[in-house]
C-alpha atoms as a PDB file:
ATOM      1  CA  MET A   1       0.000   0.000   0.000  1.00  0.00           C
ATOM      2  CA  LYS A   2       2.789   2.401   0.878  1.00  0.00           C
ATOM      3  CA  ARG A   3       4.471   2.035  -2.487  1.00  0.00           C
ATOM      4  CA  TRP A   4       1.337   3.459  -4.155  1.00  0.00           C
ATOM      5  CA  LEU A   5       0.953   6.337  -1.706  1.00  0.00           C
ATOM      6  CA  TYR A   6       3.721   8.579  -3.015  1.00  0.00           C
ATOM      7  CA  PRO A   7       2.918   8.186  -6.750  1.00  0.00           C
ATOM      8  CA  VAL A   8      -0.787   8.833  -6.103  1.00  0.00           C
ATOM      9  CA  LEU A   9       0.036  11.827  -3.910  1.00  0.00           C
ATOM     10  CA  LEU A  10       2.391  13.261  -6.526  1.00  0.00           C
ATOM     11  CA  LEU A  11      -0.218  12.734  -9.258  1.00  0.00           C
ATOM     12  CA  ALA A  12      -2.856  14.502  -7.160  1.00  0.00           C
ATOM     13  CA  ILE A  13      -0.526  17.472  -6.608  1.00  0.00           C
ATOM     14  CA  LEU A  14       0.284  17.700 -10.318  1.00  0.00           C
ATOM     15  CA  LEU A  15      -3.398  17.518 -11.303  1.00  0.00           C
ATOM     16  CA  ALA A  16      -4.305  20.188  -8.759  1.00  0.00           C
ATOM     17  CA  ALA A  17      -1.523  22.452 -10.031  1.00  0.00           C
ATOM     18  CA  TRP A  18      -2.633  21.843 -13.619  1.00  0.00           C
ATOM     19  CA  GLN A  19      -6.246  22.658 -12.745  1.00  0.00           C
ATOM     20  CA  ILE A  20      -5.318  25.902 -11.013  1.00  0.00           C
ATOM     21  CA  ALA A  21      -2.923  26.971 -13.768  1.00  0.00           C
ATOM     22  CA  ALA A  22      -5.487  26.215 -16.497  1.00  0.00           C
ATOM     23  CA  ASP A  23      -8.386  27.947 -14.728  1.00  0.00           C
ATOM     24  CA  SER A  24      -6.324  31.047 -14.016  1.00  0.00           C
ATOM     25  CA  GLY A  25      -5.130  31.268 -17.628  1.00  0.00           C
ATOM     26  CA  LEU A  26      -1.512  30.931 -16.524  1.00  0.00           C
ATOM     27  CA  LEU A  27      -0.845  27.975 -18.814  1.00  0.00           C
ATOM     28  CA  ALA A  28      -2.309  29.692 -21.843  1.00  0.00           C
ATOM     29  CA  GLU A  29      -0.288  32.812 -21.103  1.00  0.00           C
ATOM     30  CA  LEU A  30       2.868  30.774 -20.512  1.00  0.00           C
ATOM     31  CA  PHE A  31       2.648  29.033 -23.909  1.00  0.00           C
ATOM     32  CA  SER A  32       1.084  32.044 -25.693  1.00  0.00           C
ATOM     33  CA  LEU A  33      -2.045  30.073 -26.593  1.00  0.00           C
ATOM     34  CA  GLU A  34      -5.763  30.651 -26.532  1.00  0.00           C
ATOM     35  CA  ASN A  35      -7.514  29.402 -23.384  1.00  0.00           C
ATOM     36  CA  TYR A  36      -9.544  26.763 -25.269  1.00  0.00           C
ATOM     37  CA  LEU A  37      -6.305  25.141 -26.438  1.00  0.00           C
ATOM     38  CA  VAL A  38      -5.211  24.454 -22.851  1.00  0.00           C
ATOM     39  CA  PRO A  39      -7.906  22.297 -21.200  1.00  0.00           C
ATOM     40  CA  SER A  40      -7.976  21.668 -17.479  1.00  0.00           C
ATOM     41  CA  PRO A  41      -8.156  18.156 -15.950  1.00  0.00           C
ATOM     42  CA  SER A  42     -11.861  18.667 -15.227  1.00  0.00           C
ATOM     43  CA  GLU A  43     -12.501  19.530 -18.898  1.00  0.00           C
ATOM     44  CA  VAL A  44     -10.550  16.442 -19.985  1.00  0.00           C
ATOM     45  CA  ALA A  45     -12.632  14.305 -17.621  1.00  0.00           C
ATOM     46  CA  SER A  46     -15.835  15.829 -19.014  1.00  0.00           C
ATOM     47  CA  ALA A  47     -14.701  15.174 -22.579  1.00  0.00           C
ATOM     48  CA  LEU A  48     -13.863  11.597 -21.650  1.00  0.00           C
ATOM     49  CA  TRP A  49     -17.339  11.048 -20.206  1.00  0.00           C
ATOM     50  CA  ASP A  50     -19.271  12.896 -22.904  1.00  0.00           C
ATOM     51  CA  ASN A  51     -17.461  11.032 -25.691  1.00  0.00           C
ATOM     52  CA  ARG A  52     -17.221   7.688 -23.893  1.00  0.00           C
ATOM     53  CA  ALA A  53     -18.986   5.718 -26.620  1.00  0.00           C
ATOM     54  CA  LEU A  54     -16.729   7.077 -29.379  1.00  0.00           C
ATOM     55  CA  ILE A  55     -13.570   6.644 -27.315  1.00  0.00           C
ATOM     56  CA  LEU A  56     -14.549   3.143 -26.174  1.00  0.00           C
ATOM     57  CA  GLU A  57     -15.250   2.050 -29.753  1.00  0.00           C
ATOM     58  CA  ASN A  58     -11.850   3.247 -30.925  1.00  0.00           C
ATOM     59  CA  THR A  59     -10.124   1.891 -27.812  1.00  0.00           C
ATOM     60  CA  TRP A  60     -11.287  -1.608 -28.707  1.00  0.00           C
ATOM     61  CA  VAL A  61      -9.879  -1.211 -32.241  1.00  0.00           C
ATOM     62  CA  THR A  62      -6.466  -0.160 -30.919  1.00  0.00           C
ATOM     63  CA  LEU A  63      -6.449  -2.773 -28.156  1.00  0.00           C
ATOM     64  CA  LYS A  64      -7.137  -5.524 -30.670  1.00  0.00           C
ATOM     65  CA  GLU A  65      -4.255  -4.335 -32.855  1.00  0.00           C
ATOM     66  CA  VAL A  66      -1.927  -4.160 -29.852  1.00  0.00           C
ATOM     67  CA  LEU A  67      -2.794  -7.628 -28.525  1.00  0.00           C
ATOM     68  CA  ILE A  68      -2.593  -9.439 -31.863  1.00  0.00           C
ATOM     69  CA  GLY A  69       0.519  -7.557 -33.017  1.00  0.00           C
ATOM     70  CA  PHE A  70       2.216  -8.109 -29.663  1.00  0.00           C
ATOM     71  CA  GLY A  71       1.390 -11.807 -29.797  1.00  0.00           C
ATOM     72  CA  LEU A  72       2.918 -12.112 -33.267  1.00  0.00           C
ATOM     73  CA  GLY A  73       6.018 -10.172 -32.217  1.00  0.00           C
ATOM     74  CA  LEU A  74       6.395 -12.268 -29.057  1.00  0.00           C
ATOM     75  CA  LEU A  75       6.193 -15.581 -30.905  1.00  0.00           C
ATOM     76  CA  ALA A  76       8.539 -14.442 -33.666  1.00  0.00           C
ATOM     77  CA  GLY A  77      11.017 -12.950 -31.178  1.00  0.00           C
ATOM     78  CA  VAL A  78      11.214 -16.057 -29.003  1.00  0.00           C
ATOM     79  CA  ALA A  79      11.530 -18.351 -32.044  1.00  0.00           C
ATOM     80  CA  PHE A  80      14.258 -16.191 -33.572  1.00  0.00           C
ATOM     81  CA  ALA A  81      16.166 -16.021 -30.271  1.00  0.00           C
ATOM     82  CA  PHE A  82      16.153 -19.815 -29.958  1.00  0.00           C
ATOM     83  CA  ALA A  83      17.268 -20.135 -33.593  1.00  0.00           C
ATOM     84  CA  CYS A  84      20.200 -17.785 -32.943  1.00  0.00           C
ATOM     85  CA  HIS A  85      21.070 -19.673 -29.765  1.00  0.00           C
ATOM     86  CA  LEU A  86      20.997 -23.102 -31.391  1.00  0.00           C
ATOM     87  CA  SER A  87      22.911 -22.062 -34.510  1.00  0.00           C
ATOM     88  CA  GLU A  88      26.034 -19.944 -34.295  1.00  0.00           C
ATOM     89  CA  THR A  89      25.865 -19.451 -38.058  1.00  0.00           C
ATOM     90  CA  VAL A  90      22.348 -18.022 -37.844  1.00  0.00           C
ATOM     91  CA  ARG A  91      23.333 -15.712 -35.002  1.00  0.00           C
ATOM     92  CA  ARG A  92      26.433 -14.363 -36.736  1.00  0.00           C
ATOM     93  CA  ALA A  93      24.587 -13.869 -40.027  1.00  0.00           C
ATOM     94  CA  THR A  94      21.426 -12.226 -38.693  1.00  0.00           C
ATOM     95  CA  TYR A  95      22.130 -10.591 -35.328  1.00  0.00           C
ATOM     96  CA  PRO A  96      24.102  -7.608 -36.718  1.00  0.00           C
ATOM     97  CA  LEU A  97      21.300  -7.038 -39.237  1.00  0.00           C
ATOM     98  CA  LEU A  98      18.767  -7.153 -36.403  1.00  0.00           C
ATOM     99  CA  ILE A  99      20.688  -4.439 -34.524  1.00  0.00           C
ATOM    100  CA  ALA A 100      21.057  -2.339 -37.677  1.00  0.00           C
ATOM    101  CA  SER A 101      17.336  -2.591 -38.391  1.00  0.00           C
ATOM    102  CA  GLN A 102      16.620  -0.505 -35.294  1.00  0.00           C
ATOM    103  CA  ALA A 103      18.113   2.517 -37.043  1.00  0.00           C
ATOM    104  CA  ILE A 104      15.179   2.463 -39.489  1.00  0.00           C
ATOM    105  CA  PRO A 105      12.226   4.466 -38.112  1.00  0.00           C
ATOM    106  CA  ILE A 106       9.064   2.377 -38.114  1.00  0.00           C
ATOM    107  CA  ILE A 107       7.030   5.374 -39.217  1.00  0.00           C
ATOM    108  CA  ALA A 108       9.216   5.558 -42.350  1.00  0.00           C
ATOM    109  CA  ILE A 109       8.439   2.006 -43.485  1.00  0.00           C
ATOM    110  CA  ALA A 110       4.759   2.175 -42.530  1.00  0.00           C
ATOM    111  CA  PRO A 111       3.702   3.559 -45.959  1.00  0.00           C
ATOM    112  CA  ILE A 112       5.571   0.677 -47.630  1.00  0.00           C
ATOM    113  CA  LEU A 113       3.630  -1.812 -45.529  1.00  0.00           C
ATOM    114  CA  VAL A 114       0.397  -0.110 -46.549  1.00  0.00           C
ATOM    115  CA  VAL A 115       1.371  -0.590 -50.209  1.00  0.00           C
ATOM    116  CA  LEU A 116       2.176  -4.260 -49.582  1.00  0.00           C
ATOM    117  CA  PHE A 117      -0.808  -5.178 -47.387  1.00  0.00           C
ATOM    118  CA  GLY A 118      -3.375  -2.532 -48.277  1.00  0.00           C
ATOM    119  CA  PHE A 119      -5.544  -0.365 -46.036  1.00  0.00           C
ATOM    120  CA  GLY A 120      -6.666  -2.738 -43.332  1.00  0.00           C
ATOM    121  CA  ILE A 121      -5.532  -4.330 -40.109  1.00  0.00           C
ATOM    122  CA  TRP A 122      -2.534  -6.260 -41.477  1.00  0.00           C
ATOM    123  CA  PRO A 123      -0.069  -3.367 -41.931  1.00  0.00           C
ATOM    124  CA  LYS A 124      -0.921  -2.221 -38.402  1.00  0.00           C
ATOM    125  CA  LEU A 125      -0.297  -5.700 -36.986  1.00  0.00           C
ATOM    126  CA  VAL A 126       3.036  -5.924 -38.793  1.00  0.00           C
ATOM    127  CA  ILE A 127       4.136  -2.533 -37.431  1.00  0.00           C
ATOM    128  CA  VAL A 128       3.219  -3.473 -33.847  1.00  0.00           C
ATOM    129  CA  ALA A 129       4.898  -6.881 -34.233  1.00  0.00           C
ATOM    130  CA  LEU A 130       8.096  -5.296 -35.580  1.00  0.00           C
ATOM    131  CA  ILE A 131       8.278  -2.919 -32.615  1.00  0.00           C
ATOM    132  CA  CYS A 132       7.789  -5.764 -30.110  1.00  0.00           C
ATOM    133  CA  PHE A 133      10.112  -8.178 -31.913  1.00  0.00           C
ATOM    134  CA  PHE A 134      13.435  -6.515 -31.048  1.00  0.00           C
ATOM    135  CA  PRO A 135      13.226  -6.278 -27.222  1.00  0.00           C
ATOM    136  CA  VAL A 136      11.808  -9.807 -26.970  1.00  0.00           C
ATOM    137  CA  THR A 137      14.547 -11.262 -29.186  1.00  0.00           C
ATOM    138  CA  VAL A 138      17.446  -9.488 -27.498  1.00  0.00           C
ATOM    139  CA  ASN A 139      16.302 -10.233 -23.946  1.00  0.00           C
ATOM    140  CA  THR A 140      15.461 -13.878 -24.657  1.00  0.00           C
ATOM    141  CA  LEU A 141      18.801 -14.453 -26.350  1.00  0.00           C
ATOM    142  CA  ASP A 142      20.614 -12.850 -23.414  1.00  0.00           C
ATOM    143  CA  GLY A 143      18.711 -15.173 -21.092  1.00  0.00           C
ATOM    144  CA  LEU A 144      19.628 -18.255 -23.106  1.00  0.00           C
ATOM    145  CA  ARG A 145      23.290 -17.249 -23.114  1.00  0.00           C
ATOM    146  CA  SER A 146      23.305 -16.557 -19.359  1.00  0.00           C
ATOM    147  CA  VAL A 147      22.983 -20.242 -18.404  1.00  0.00           C
ATOM    148  CA  ASP A 148      25.798 -21.424 -16.166  1.00  0.00           C
ATOM    149  CA  PRO A 149      28.113 -23.616 -18.304  1.00  0.00           C
ATOM    150  CA  ALA A 150      28.641 -25.895 -15.310  1.00  0.00           C
ATOM    151  CA  THR A 151      24.931 -26.708 -15.312  1.00  0.00           C
ATOM    152  CA  ILE A 152      25.060 -27.617 -19.004  1.00  0.00           C
ATOM    153  CA  LYS A 153      28.098 -29.816 -18.357  1.00  0.00           C
ATOM    154  CA  LEU A 154      26.292 -31.526 -15.483  1.00  0.00           C
ATOM    155  CA  MET A 155      23.262 -32.262 -17.681  1.00  0.00           C
ATOM    156  CA  ARG A 156      25.510 -33.766 -20.336  1.00  0.00           C
ATOM    157  CA  THR A 157      27.252 -35.855 -17.700  1.00  0.00           C
ATOM    158  CA  LEU A 158      23.840 -37.208 -16.729  1.00  0.00           C
ATOM    159  CA  ASP A 159      23.257 -38.100 -20.400  1.00  0.00           C
ATOM    160  CA  GLY A 160      20.782 -35.277 -20.965  1.00  0.00           C
ATOM    161  CA  SER A 161      19.762 -34.759 -24.578  1.00  0.00           C
ATOM    162  CA  ARG A 162      19.844 -31.374 -26.337  1.00  0.00           C
ATOM    163  CA  TRP A 163      16.071 -31.124 -25.984  1.00  0.00           C
ATOM    164  CA  GLN A 164      16.199 -31.949 -22.254  1.00  0.00           C
ATOM    165  CA  ILE A 165      18.894 -29.353 -21.646  1.00  0.00           C
ATOM    166  CA  MET A 166      16.832 -26.748 -23.454  1.00  0.00           C
ATOM    167  CA  ARG A 167      13.587 -27.664 -21.701  1.00  0.00           C
ATOM    168  CA  ARG A 168      14.933 -28.099 -18.171  1.00  0.00           C
ATOM    169  CA  VAL A 169      17.755 -25.555 -18.015  1.00  0.00           C
ATOM    170  CA  GLU A 170      17.922 -23.021 -20.836  1.00  0.00           C
ATOM    171  CA  ALA A 171      14.222 -22.219 -21.284  1.00  0.00           C
ATOM    172  CA  PRO A 172      13.509 -21.710 -17.537  1.00  0.00           C
ATOM    173  CA  THR A 173      16.627 -19.529 -17.230  1.00  0.00           C
ATOM    174  CA  ALA A 174      15.594 -17.425 -20.220  1.00  0.00           C
ATOM    175  CA  LEU A 175      11.931 -17.064 -19.204  1.00  0.00           C
ATOM    176  CA  PRO A 176      12.426 -14.079 -16.824  1.00  0.00           C
ATOM    177  CA  TYR A 177      14.445 -12.347 -19.545  1.00  0.00           C
ATOM    178  CA  THR A 178      11.669 -13.025 -22.045  1.00  0.00           C
ATOM    179  CA  PHE A 179       9.146 -11.440 -19.694  1.00  0.00           C
ATOM    180  CA  SER A 180      11.402  -8.386 -19.336  1.00  0.00           C
ATOM    181  CA  GLY A 181      11.512  -8.001 -23.108  1.00  0.00           C
ATOM    182  CA  ALA A 182       7.780  -8.628 -23.369  1.00  0.00           C
ATOM    183  CA  LYS A 183       6.998  -5.907 -20.820  1.00  0.00           C
ATOM    184  CA  ILE A 184       9.076  -3.430 -22.800  1.00  0.00           C
ATOM    185  CA  GLY A 185       7.445  -4.613 -26.004  1.00  0.00           C
ATOM    186  CA  VAL A 186       3.868  -4.349 -24.784  1.00  0.00           C
ATOM    187  CA  ALA A 187       4.501  -0.832 -23.470  1.00  0.00           C
ATOM    188  CA  VAL A 188       5.834   0.414 -26.812  1.00  0.00           C
ATOM    189  CA  ALA A 189       3.267  -1.633 -28.756  1.00  0.00           C
ATOM    190  CA  VAL A 190       0.679   1.036 -27.956  1.00  0.00           C
ATOM    191  CA  ILE A 191       2.947   3.658 -29.523  1.00  0.00           C
ATOM    192  CA  GLY A 192       3.393   1.399 -32.530  1.00  0.00           C
ATOM    193  CA  ALA A 193      -0.367   1.034 -32.910  1.00  0.00           C
ATOM    194  CA  VAL A 194      -0.767   4.829 -32.917  1.00  0.00           C
ATOM    195  CA  PHE A 195       1.925   5.201 -35.606  1.00  0.00           C
ATOM    196  CA  ALA A 196       0.268   2.425 -37.601  1.00  0.00           C
ATOM    197  CA  GLU A 197      -3.137   4.074 -37.420  1.00  0.00           C
ATOM    198  CA  TRP A 198      -1.693   7.393 -38.520  1.00  0.00           C
ATOM    199  CA  SER A 199      -0.194   5.710 -41.570  1.00  0.00           C
ATOM    200  CA  ALA A 200      -2.728   3.024 -42.396  1.00  0.00           C
ATOM    201  CA  ALA A 201      -6.049   3.928 -40.835  1.00  0.00           C
ATOM    202  CA  THR A 202      -9.183   4.963 -42.639  1.00  0.00           C
ATOM    203  CA  VAL A 203     -12.409   6.297 -41.207  1.00  0.00           C
ATOM    204  CA  GLY A 204     -13.912   2.828 -41.468  1.00  0.00           C
ATOM    205  CA  HIS A 205     -11.211   1.258 -39.316  1.00  0.00           C
ATOM    206  CA  GLY A 206     -10.510   4.004 -36.771  1.00  0.00           C
ATOM    207  CA  GLY A 207      -8.593   3.480 -33.559  1.00  0.00           C
ATOM    208  CA  LEU A 208      -7.309   5.856 -30.910  1.00  0.00           C
ATOM    209  CA  GLY A 209      -4.402   6.885 -33.147  1.00  0.00           C
ATOM    210  CA  TRP A 210      -6.845   7.934 -35.838  1.00  0.00           C
ATOM    211  CA  LEU A 211      -8.976   9.719 -33.216  1.00  0.00           C
ATOM    212  CA  VAL A 212      -5.929  11.581 -31.896  1.00  0.00           C
ATOM    213  CA  HIS A 213      -5.168  12.729 -35.437  1.00  0.00           C
ATOM    214  CA  GLU A 214      -8.757  13.855 -35.995  1.00  0.00           C
ATOM    215  CA  ASP A 215      -9.009  15.691 -32.671  1.00  0.00           C
ATOM    216  CA  SER A 216      -5.707  17.433 -33.322  1.00  0.00           C
ATOM    217  CA  SER A 217      -6.933  18.594 -36.734  1.00  0.00           C
ATOM    218  CA  LEU A 218     -10.230  19.824 -35.290  1.00  0.00           C
ATOM    219  CA  LEU A 219      -8.564  21.463 -32.262  1.00  0.00           C
ATOM    220  CA  GLU A 220     -10.654  19.277 -29.925  1.00  0.00           C
ATOM    221  CA  THR A 221      -7.949  19.576 -27.308  1.00  0.00           C
ATOM    222  CA  ALA A 222      -9.962  18.311 -24.337  1.00  0.00           C
ATOM    223  CA  ARG A 223     -10.904  15.123 -26.179  1.00  0.00           C
ATOM    224  CA  LEU A 224      -7.341  14.882 -27.501  1.00  0.00           C
ATOM    225  CA  PHE A 225      -6.037  14.784 -23.940  1.00  0.00           C
ATOM    226  CA  ALA A 226      -8.709  12.196 -23.097  1.00  0.00           C
ATOM    227  CA  ASP A 227      -7.519  10.022 -25.996  1.00  0.00           C
ATOM    228  CA  ILE A 228      -3.935  10.245 -24.790  1.00  0.00           C
ATOM    229  CA  LEU A 229      -5.023   9.430 -21.242  1.00  0.00           C
ATOM    230  CA  VAL A 230      -6.747   6.250 -22.430  1.00  0.00           C
ATOM    231  CA  LEU A 231      -3.642   5.256 -24.428  1.00  0.00           C
ATOM    232  CA  ALA A 232      -1.462   5.751 -21.352  1.00  0.00           C
ATOM    233  CA  LEU A 233      -3.831   3.731 -19.165  1.00  0.00           C
ATOM    234  CA  MET A 234      -3.886   0.956 -21.774  1.00  0.00           C
ATOM    235  CA  SER A 235      -0.087   0.770 -21.776  1.00  0.00           C
ATOM    236  CA  VAL A 236       0.126   0.734 -17.971  1.00  0.00           C
ATOM    237  CA  ALA A 237      -2.619  -1.889 -17.687  1.00  0.00           C
ATOM    238  CA  LEU A 238      -0.980  -4.230 -20.198  1.00  0.00           C
ATOM    239  CA  PHE A 239       2.402  -3.802 -18.501  1.00  0.00           C
ATOM    240  CA  GLY A 240       0.846  -4.543 -15.117  1.00  0.00           C
ATOM    241  CA  LEU A 241      -0.973  -7.592 -16.479  1.00  0.00           C
ATOM    242  CA  LEU A 242       2.264  -9.034 -17.851  1.00  0.00           C
ATOM    243  CA  ALA A 243       4.024  -8.342 -14.546  1.00  0.00           C
ATOM    244  CA  LEU A 244       1.240 -10.238 -12.748  1.00  0.00           C
ATOM    245  CA  VAL A 245       1.529 -13.184 -15.152  1.00  0.00           C
ATOM    246  CA  GLU A 246       5.294 -13.186 -14.664  1.00  0.00           C
ATOM    247  CA  ARG A 247       4.858 -13.336 -10.884  1.00  0.00           C
ATOM    248  CA  ARG A 248       2.538 -16.329 -11.286  1.00  0.00           C
ATOM    249  CA  VAL A 249       4.648 -18.180 -13.843  1.00  0.00           C
ATOM    250  CA  VAL A 250       8.251 -17.474 -12.819  1.00  0.00           C
ATOM    251  CA  THR A 251       7.793 -18.755  -9.285  1.00  0.00           C
ATOM    252  CA  TRP A 252      11.458 -19.715  -8.882  1.00  0.00           C
ATOM    253  CA  ARG A 253      12.805 -16.202  -9.414  1.00  0.00           C
END
């Protein structure tokens, strides 16, 4: 309980300061903006409630993209990490390319994915999966390579097969690392979904990223802040859910 007290107290202080500064016009004056462009927390809350149906509908679209894309990235990342671990040739040939790929902004290749997959959910899923793939791969591979060599030698002395060594020693050792990568991945997956919706969304498909873009264009700043709040809560909730699953699964840590 105590560990939540200070963050909640700090958040309350910040919200109160924001409310006072917005109501007094201090924020608008500070940034040289019109008052309607600087909503207060109470106005954001009102916008969230008044537009709850619209925001909820688009939240579900984004959440679906995040969950499916994250799942694809997780599976691909774990599989690729095991492939690199089992084959030195694969690791030496592909790992430098994997590192170099992170220099390419996802938002730059998003239009290419739209050309390849069309305007629909697939380019968005690919973008989210690509963002999640790197942290999962790197962390899982680090976990697989962190196994104590003496333990491997002991398993071989006991006539353990390659599959038994992987299942009983390497995979359990790597699992906490995989969860660390997955928690990073699921947090940034929300950002990836927003980028994807900016690049690939249409009115028919929507999503919070699309809604953020629309609200920004229409200067609906209160609803824009509400959209961003929901995105932040989604990211925190998914991170917390994975942390809870990790606590239940990795009982030996």
